[in-house]
């Protein structure tokens, strides 16, 4: 019995594509792709570390683009951002079927891998839209509008265009506490950054760092919300259905100032 090959990568999309390149280059049979931090409990396996090679990743992505349309490319990337354990292997199966197909731009939802990837991508897309709706910026004394989030999926890369277009005239930072990185817009471009300030124990900004007008605005908004929120017409079940409790921590009106 031949041992299976486990390809361990750094968790980046380019790293994943580098794994795909190695599989085809070395003609690896039945590979398993997993992040380096994942524990391997499987017997009869050989582990190899795959180092991210952007040139090889670009070659693989070009091959995917040549065989798919833009909607399929978005599905693949969104599914990858789900970070669901083992999703890399389902995506690889999707890619392998795409390369084999004569008409790969036709999406065959009868294929279990294609169906699963599409369903996962939809879940990620829904989380993206929720973040766009529920992110609340707070102005700090260094004149940066800052927001912290903890989404179920790694949707920060999908938020860049939305917030860059909407808030093009101000500096802003959206930081993912769960994944310990953020996107920062400096009025020219968006950068990926990491900060020591935020952690799993320190997930919000202390009030002392807010500008005075920010604190006044928060109080004004909370007062307004309390006044328009008519108790006799409150439908808690419907409210939670549209606004799940796990998003309340982002909203000024749901928190004490």
Foldseek 3Di string as FASTA:
>chain_A
DAAEEEEEEALDLLRLLQVLLCCVVVVGPPHAYDYPPDDDPDPRYHYDYGYRDNVSSVVSVVLVPVQEPPVVVLLLVLLSQLPPPRLSVLSSVLSVVSNVDPRSHDQDCVPPSSVVSNVSSVVSVVQLVVCLVQAAFFAFPVQETETEDATSTRCQVVCQVVCCVVPLPGWYWYAHQNVQWIWTDPSPDIDIGGDPQGYPVRGDDDPVGGDPVRVVVLVVVLVVCVVVPDPVPDDPVVVCVVPPPVSLVNDSNSDDD
